[in-house]
């Protein structure tokens, strides 16, 4: 159970950071393309499940979502990298 608790905490930290960066980079900032911003918004629901320790967390479902949607996280990572590089060069 300790490993599961650690995995849940790590996932919570990751999803919090993802949500913070997504909010900064979408909307009026226009840094993320709309489709990617919408898909990433779906991760907010997962964050709420993990953060609030709902009675039943389906880790198999979370694992499947991470496996299937990892491309969105890769795309997001590249967009954040570009955003940081543009700020750094200004």
C-alpha atoms as a PDB file:
ATOM      1  CA  UNK A   1       0.000   0.000   0.000  1.00  0.00           C
ATOM      2  CA  UNK A   2       2.931   2.339   0.629  1.00  0.00           C
ATOM      3  CA  UNK A   3       3.930   2.189  -3.054  1.00  0.00           C
ATOM      4  CA  UNK A   4       0.361   2.968  -4.104  1.00  0.00           C
ATOM      5  CA  UNK A   5       0.272   5.968  -1.730  1.00  0.00           C
ATOM      6  CA  UNK A   6       3.556   7.228  -3.126  1.00  0.00           C
ATOM      7  CA  UNK A   7       2.332   6.794  -6.691  1.00  0.00           C
ATOM      8  CA  UNK A   8      -0.870   8.650  -5.830  1.00  0.00           C
ATOM      9  CA  UNK A   9       1.100  11.537  -4.293  1.00  0.00           C
ATOM     10  CA  UNK A  10       3.444  11.764  -7.278  1.00  0.00           C
ATOM     11  CA  UNK A  11       0.500  11.716  -9.675  1.00  0.00           C
ATOM     12  CA  UNK A  12      -1.163  14.462  -7.640  1.00  0.00           C
ATOM     13  CA  UNK A  13       1.936  16.671  -7.863  1.00  0.00           C
ATOM     14  CA  UNK A  14       2.220  16.034 -11.614  1.00  0.00           C
ATOM     15  CA  UNK A  15      -1.442  16.829 -12.240  1.00  0.00           C
ATOM     16  CA  UNK A  16      -1.288  19.995 -10.106  1.00  0.00           C
ATOM     17  CA  UNK A  17       1.688  21.246 -12.104  1.00  0.00           C
ATOM     18  CA  UNK A  18       0.005  20.306 -15.379  1.00  0.00           C
ATOM     19  CA  UNK A  19      -3.126  22.213 -14.371  1.00  0.00           C
ATOM     20  CA  UNK A  20      -1.197  25.310 -13.311  1.00  0.00           C
ATOM     21  CA  UNK A  21       0.817  25.418 -16.524  1.00  0.00           C
ATOM     22  CA  UNK A  22      -2.222  24.669 -18.691  1.00  0.00           C
ATOM     23  CA  UNK A  23      -4.176  27.546 -17.147  1.00  0.00           C
ATOM     24  CA  UNK A  24      -1.238  29.880 -17.716  1.00  0.00           C
ATOM     25  CA  UNK A  25      -0.673  28.782 -21.309  1.00  0.00           C
ATOM     26  CA  UNK A  26      -4.265  28.632 -22.524  1.00  0.00           C
ATOM     27  CA  UNK A  27      -7.025  31.192 -22.700  1.00  0.00           C
ATOM     28  CA  UNK A  28      -5.911  34.695 -23.569  1.00  0.00           C
ATOM     29  CA  UNK A  29      -2.247  33.693 -23.701  1.00  0.00           C
ATOM     30  CA  UNK A  30      -2.996  31.646 -26.828  1.00  0.00           C
ATOM     31  CA  UNK A  31       0.107  29.525 -26.387  1.00  0.00           C
ATOM     32  CA  UNK A  32      -1.660  26.170 -26.624  1.00  0.00           C
ATOM     33  CA  UNK A  33      -3.739  25.183 -29.609  1.00  0.00           C
ATOM     34  CA  UNK A  34      -7.390  24.859 -28.663  1.00  0.00           C
ATOM     35  CA  UNK A  35      -7.654  21.094 -29.164  1.00  0.00           C
ATOM     36  CA  UNK A  36      -4.691  20.377 -26.928  1.00  0.00           C
ATOM     37  CA  UNK A  37      -5.952  22.822 -24.292  1.00  0.00           C
ATOM     38  CA  UNK A  38      -9.344  21.051 -24.265  1.00  0.00           C
ATOM     39  CA  UNK A  39      -7.796  17.596 -23.985  1.00  0.00           C
ATOM     40  CA  UNK A  40      -5.556  18.720 -21.140  1.00  0.00           C
ATOM     41  CA  UNK A  41      -8.542  20.206 -19.333  1.00  0.00           C
ATOM     42  CA  UNK A  42      -9.849  16.655 -19.034  1.00  0.00           C
ATOM     43  CA  UNK A  43      -6.899  15.850 -16.811  1.00  0.00           C
ATOM     44  CA  UNK A  44      -8.334  18.283 -14.228  1.00  0.00           C
ATOM     45  CA  UNK A  45     -11.060  15.770 -13.438  1.00  0.00           C
ATOM     46  CA  UNK A  46      -8.448  13.106 -12.838  1.00  0.00           C
ATOM     47  CA  UNK A  47      -6.546  15.517 -10.614  1.00  0.00           C
ATOM     48  CA  UNK A  48      -9.647  16.032  -8.483  1.00  0.00           C
ATOM     49  CA  UNK A  49     -10.139  12.288  -8.062  1.00  0.00           C
ATOM     50  CA  UNK A  50      -6.515  11.812  -7.016  1.00  0.00           C
ATOM     51  CA  UNK A  51      -6.201  14.940  -4.856  1.00  0.00           C
ATOM     52  CA  UNK A  52      -9.370  14.382  -2.903  1.00  0.00           C
ATOM     53  CA  UNK A  53      -8.723  10.673  -2.387  1.00  0.00           C
ATOM     54  CA  UNK A  54     -12.099   9.557  -3.576  1.00  0.00           C
ATOM     55  CA  UNK A  55     -13.010   6.259  -1.897  1.00  0.00           C
ATOM     56  CA  UNK A  56     -12.238   4.192  -4.967  1.00  0.00           C
ATOM     57  CA  UNK A  57      -9.433   5.202  -7.280  1.00  0.00           C
ATOM     58  CA  UNK A  58      -9.187   2.909 -10.283  1.00  0.00           C
ATOM     59  CA  UNK A  59      -5.424   2.788 -10.815  1.00  0.00           C
ATOM     60  CA  UNK A  60      -5.839   0.465 -13.799  1.00  0.00           C
ATOM     61  CA  UNK A  61      -7.984   3.116 -15.501  1.00  0.00           C
ATOM     62  CA  UNK A  62      -5.461   5.830 -14.647  1.00  0.00           C
ATOM     63  CA  UNK A  63      -2.641   3.694 -16.028  1.00  0.00           C
ATOM     64  CA  UNK A  64      -4.594   3.100 -19.237  1.00  0.00           C
ATOM     65  CA  UNK A  65      -5.316   6.831 -19.630  1.00  0.00           C
ATOM     66  CA  UNK A  66      -1.659   7.691 -19.102  1.00  0.00           C
ATOM     67  CA  UNK A  67      -0.587   5.070 -21.650  1.00  0.00           C
ATOM     68  CA  UNK A  68      -3.135   6.100 -24.269  1.00  0.00           C
ATOM     69  CA  UNK A  69      -2.918   9.871 -23.853  1.00  0.00           C
ATOM     70  CA  UNK A  70       0.795  10.275 -23.232  1.00  0.00           C
ATOM     71  CA  UNK A  71       1.086  12.002 -26.622  1.00  0.00           C
ATOM     72  CA  UNK A  72      -0.915  14.940 -25.280  1.00  0.00           C
ATOM     73  CA  UNK A  73       1.481  15.227 -22.360  1.00  0.00           C
ATOM     74  CA  UNK A  74       4.438  15.104 -24.775  1.00  0.00           C
ATOM     75  CA  UNK A  75       2.851  17.834 -26.915  1.00  0.00           C
ATOM     76  CA  UNK A  76       2.203  19.924 -23.838  1.00  0.00           C
ATOM     77  CA  UNK A  77       5.791  19.465 -22.688  1.00  0.00           C
ATOM     78  CA  UNK A  78       7.099  20.695 -26.067  1.00  0.00           C
ATOM     79  CA  UNK A  79       4.808  23.743 -25.937  1.00  0.00           C
ATOM     80  CA  UNK A  80       5.988  24.616 -22.421  1.00  0.00           C
ATOM     81  CA  UNK A  81       9.594  24.180 -23.532  1.00  0.00           C
ATOM     82  CA  UNK A  82       9.000  26.634 -26.413  1.00  0.00           C
ATOM     83  CA  UNK A  83       7.295  29.066 -24.047  1.00  0.00           C
ATOM     84  CA  UNK A  84      10.239  28.962 -21.623  1.00  0.00           C
ATOM     85  CA  UNK A  85      12.753  29.354 -24.447  1.00  0.00           C
ATOM     86  CA  UNK A  86      10.937  32.408 -25.814  1.00  0.00           C
ATOM     87  CA  UNK A  87      10.862  34.069 -22.398  1.00  0.00           C
ATOM     88  CA  UNK A  88      14.506  33.236 -21.832  1.00  0.00           C
ATOM     89  CA  UNK A  89      15.618  34.819 -25.123  1.00  0.00           C
ATOM     90  CA  UNK A  90      13.669  38.058 -24.648  1.00  0.00           C
END
